[in-house]
Structure formats: structure tokens, C-alpha cells
Amino acid sequence: MNMQVARNTVVTLDYSVTDLDGELVDPGQDPLIYLHGGYDDIFPLIEEAVHGKSIGESVTVRMQPDDAFGEYDADLVQLEPRSQFPDELHVGMQFEGIAEGADEDDEEDVVIYRVTEITDDKVLLDGNHPLAGMALIFTCTVTDIRPATPEEIRHGHSHEADEEDED
């Protein structure tokens, strides 16, 4: 049976992401598994490109920052006192925070800050996604398609990644 990518199918993609110069920014070591059909489980441009494809078919999608991880936002870079952080601190560590001026009760305003620099008394945090501000080329091949389970459809995402049952 030649199944095609359609709403409420779980799709597996082998992928890689490069910048416009062809530099690899994500080698896609693990396949990308997502629930297809407007569940925001994957970037809409990619979902659109993959729609109707069959196993073995490939697509290449050029994405501007707005289509991918957004524009680089200088407001998301913060300098904080070193004393506010645990002793064990290294560049690349991540902390959850609230965007400045955001409503603390709004989950949308939670930002993951990455430590980008540490001095004796200051820590530089960057809340931008590492690929923010970059135009990207996403290349993928459909390697598997299966019907989504009713539970996956209800939850709005594939359960492939979180093997444990949440019942």
C-alpha cells in the first residue's frame, strides 16, 4: 500500500539543515517524527512541502528566519550577576526564565536562556534559539508514514518520542 503524507498521519523524516552557504547547522542525527495536519508539531512550510509525498520522496525547503526560529532579538540577551547562578556553571547550560515585561502566568512567555559567556561576576544569557536570525535550508526524505492513533490525534503530537504511556 502506497501511503501518502496526509492529515492525522505520523511521518518520519530523515533530514539535515544547512545555512544558505551550505554549512551544516543540524545534521539530523535522529529522524524527525511528527503528527501531520496542522498540529504545530513541525514548521508549517515543511509540513506544506511534505504533504502528499510518499515514502522515499524528498523535499528541500528554504526558510527565512520568520518561517523557522524567528529573527534574532537583542532584548533576549541579558547580563546577570554571577551570584544568582549555581557554582557549577558552564557555557551552553540552559535556564528557564520569563521574558522581560512578560506576564508570569503566560506559558508562552517562558524563555529558555542559554549561558553564552561567564566572567568573574557576570553571566551573559541569550534567550534566542541558536538558529534565530538565520535563513535555513531544510532537506528531508520521508522514511515512514503510519496512521496516527486516536490518542495522538487527541494530544496533537506523535507519541513515538515519548515511549512511556501517560495514562
Protein backbone atom coordinates (compact mmCIF):
# COMPACT_ATOMS: atom_id res chain seq x y z
CA MET A 1 0.00 0.00 0.00
CA ASN A 2 1.46 3.31 -1.04
CA MET A 3 0.50 5.60 1.83
CA GLN A 4 0.85 9.34 1.42
CA VAL A 5 1.52 12.07 3.95
CA ALA A 6 -1.91 13.39 4.94
CA ARG A 7 -3.69 14.87 7.95
CA ASN A 8 -3.51 12.60 11.01
CA THR A 9 -0.58 10.52 9.81
CA VAL A 10 2.62 10.16 11.80
CA VAL A 11 5.52 10.94 9.49
CA THR A 12 9.19 10.04 9.91
CA LEU A 13 11.72 12.22 8.11
CA ASP A 14 15.46 11.80 7.67
CA TYR A 15 16.65 15.37 7.47
CA SER A 16 19.50 17.81 7.55
CA VAL A 17 19.60 21.58 7.89
CA THR A 18 22.18 23.89 6.35
CA ASP A 19 22.55 27.64 6.21
CA LEU A 20 22.43 29.40 2.84
CA ASP A 21 26.18 28.84 2.38
CA GLY A 22 25.68 25.09 2.69
CA GLU A 23 27.22 24.89 6.19
CA LEU A 24 25.60 22.11 8.20
CA VAL A 25 23.76 23.55 11.22
CA ASP A 26 21.84 20.38 12.15
CA PRO A 27 22.98 17.02 10.81
CA GLY A 28 19.67 15.45 11.82
CA GLN A 29 21.26 12.50 13.59
CA ASP A 30 17.88 11.29 14.82
CA PRO A 31 14.93 11.12 12.46
CA LEU A 32 12.20 13.70 12.91
CA ILE A 33 8.87 12.10 13.80
CA TYR A 34 5.79 14.30 13.88
CA LEU A 35 2.00 14.31 13.65
CA HIS A 36 0.97 15.77 10.28
CA GLY A 37 -2.03 18.03 9.85
CA GLY A 38 -1.65 21.50 11.32
CA TYR A 39 -0.77 20.49 14.89
CA ASP A 40 2.25 22.84 15.01
CA ASP A 41 4.41 19.75 15.50
CA ILE A 42 6.75 20.96 12.74
CA PHE A 43 7.30 24.24 10.85
CA PRO A 44 4.28 24.92 8.59
CA LEU A 45 6.44 25.41 5.47
CA ILE A 46 7.94 21.94 5.89
CA GLU A 47 4.56 20.40 6.59
CA GLU A 48 3.20 22.01 3.42
CA ALA A 49 6.12 20.72 1.32
CA VAL A 50 5.85 17.15 2.65
CA HIS A 51 2.04 16.95 2.28
CA GLY A 52 1.02 14.33 -0.29
CA LYS A 53 4.50 12.80 -0.50
CA SER A 54 5.17 9.06 -0.29
CA ILE A 55 7.94 7.07 1.39
CA GLY A 56 11.24 7.68 -0.35
CA GLU A 57 10.31 11.11 -1.69
CA SER A 58 12.47 14.12 -0.73
CA VAL A 59 11.86 17.82 -0.43
CA THR A 60 14.07 20.84 0.10
CA VAL A 61 12.58 23.86 1.83
CA ARG A 62 14.24 27.29 2.05
CA MET A 63 13.10 29.08 5.18
CA GLN A 64 13.59 32.70 6.12
CA PRO A 65 14.10 33.39 9.85
CA ASP A 66 10.37 34.17 10.22
CA ASP A 67 9.50 30.71 8.85
CA ALA A 68 11.94 28.97 11.18
CA PHE A 69 13.33 30.11 14.53
CA GLY A 70 12.47 33.81 14.24
CA GLU A 71 14.55 36.94 13.97
CA TYR A 72 17.39 37.46 16.41
CA ASP A 73 16.01 39.51 19.31
CA ALA A 74 18.62 41.59 21.16
CA ASP A 75 16.12 42.06 24.02
CA LEU A 76 16.51 38.37 24.82
CA VAL A 77 20.16 38.85 25.76
CA GLN A 78 20.64 39.61 29.44
CA LEU A 79 23.58 40.24 31.70
CA GLU A 80 23.00 38.87 35.20
CA PRO A 81 25.08 38.83 38.41
CA ARG A 82 27.20 35.65 38.70
CA SER A 83 25.90 35.25 42.29
CA GLN A 84 22.43 34.32 41.01
CA PHE A 85 23.69 31.07 39.50
CA PRO A 86 24.82 27.71 40.86
CA ASP A 87 28.54 27.14 41.40
CA GLU A 88 28.56 24.53 38.64
CA LEU A 89 28.10 26.78 35.63
CA HIS A 90 29.39 26.44 32.09
CA VAL A 91 28.76 27.96 28.68
CA GLY A 92 25.91 26.14 26.98
CA MET A 93 23.91 25.47 30.16
CA GLN A 94 20.25 26.36 29.89
CA PHE A 95 17.89 28.03 32.31
CA GLU A 96 14.19 28.71 32.09
CA GLY A 97 13.19 32.32 32.55
CA ILE A 98 10.44 34.79 31.85
CA ALA A 99 10.90 37.27 29.03
CA GLU A 100 11.23 40.82 30.32
CA GLY A 101 7.91 42.62 30.53
CA ALA A 102 6.05 39.34 30.16
CA ASP A 103 3.15 38.07 32.20
CA GLU A 104 4.50 35.42 34.58
CA ASP A 105 1.33 33.32 34.27
CA ASP A 106 1.55 33.08 30.47
CA GLU A 107 3.40 29.90 29.45
CA GLU A 108 4.05 31.44 26.02
CA ASP A 109 6.39 33.92 27.70
CA VAL A 110 8.70 31.29 29.19
CA VAL A 111 12.09 31.59 27.55
CA ILE A 112 14.96 29.11 27.61
CA TYR A 113 18.13 31.12 28.21
CA ARG A 114 21.50 29.71 27.18
CA VAL A 115 24.66 30.73 29.00
CA THR A 116 26.91 32.25 26.33
CA GLU A 117 29.61 33.88 28.45
CA ILE A 118 30.79 33.80 32.08
CA THR A 119 33.08 36.30 33.80
CA ASP A 120 34.04 36.53 37.48
CA ASP A 121 30.94 38.48 38.42
CA LYS A 122 28.59 38.42 35.41
CA VAL A 123 26.79 35.83 33.30
CA LEU A 124 25.61 36.57 29.77
CA LEU A 125 22.37 34.79 28.88
CA ASP A 126 20.83 34.51 25.42
CA GLY A 127 17.15 33.59 25.09
CA ASN A 128 17.30 33.35 21.30
CA HIS A 129 17.22 29.93 19.66
CA PRO A 130 20.78 29.16 18.46
CA LEU A 131 19.47 29.32 14.86
CA ALA A 132 17.47 32.55 15.32
CA GLY A 133 18.05 35.13 12.62
CA MET A 134 19.27 32.55 10.13
CA ALA A 135 17.77 31.62 6.80
CA LEU A 136 17.90 27.83 6.59
CA ILE A 137 17.65 25.10 4.01
CA PHE A 138 15.82 22.05 5.31
CA THR A 139 16.27 18.88 3.24
CA CYS A 140 14.33 15.76 4.13
CA THR A 141 13.25 12.37 2.88
CA VAL A 142 10.05 10.66 4.01
CA THR A 143 11.10 7.31 5.51
CA ASP A 144 7.88 6.21 7.17
CA ILE A 145 4.18 7.07 7.27
CA ARG A 146 1.58 5.47 9.51
CA PRO A 147 -1.93 6.37 10.64
CA ALA A 148 -1.93 8.30 13.92
CA THR A 149 -3.61 6.70 16.92
CA PRO A 150 -6.75 8.39 18.31
CA GLU A 151 -4.70 9.29 21.40
CA GLU A 152 -2.00 11.01 19.32
CA ILE A 153 -4.67 12.98 17.48
CA ARG A 154 -6.24 13.98 20.80
CA HIS A 155 -2.87 15.08 22.21
CA GLY A 156 -1.85 16.81 18.99
CA HIS A 157 1.58 15.15 18.72
CA SER A 158 3.24 11.85 17.92
CA HIS A 159 3.93 9.55 20.86
CA GLU A 160 6.86 7.92 19.06
CA ALA A 161 9.34 10.03 21.01
CA ASP A 162 7.84 9.58 24.48
CA GLU A 163 7.64 5.80 24.59
CA GLU A 164 6.07 5.75 28.10
CA ASP A 165 2.31 5.64 28.34
CA GLU A 166 0.88 8.68 30.08
CA ASP A 167 -2.45 7.11 31.05
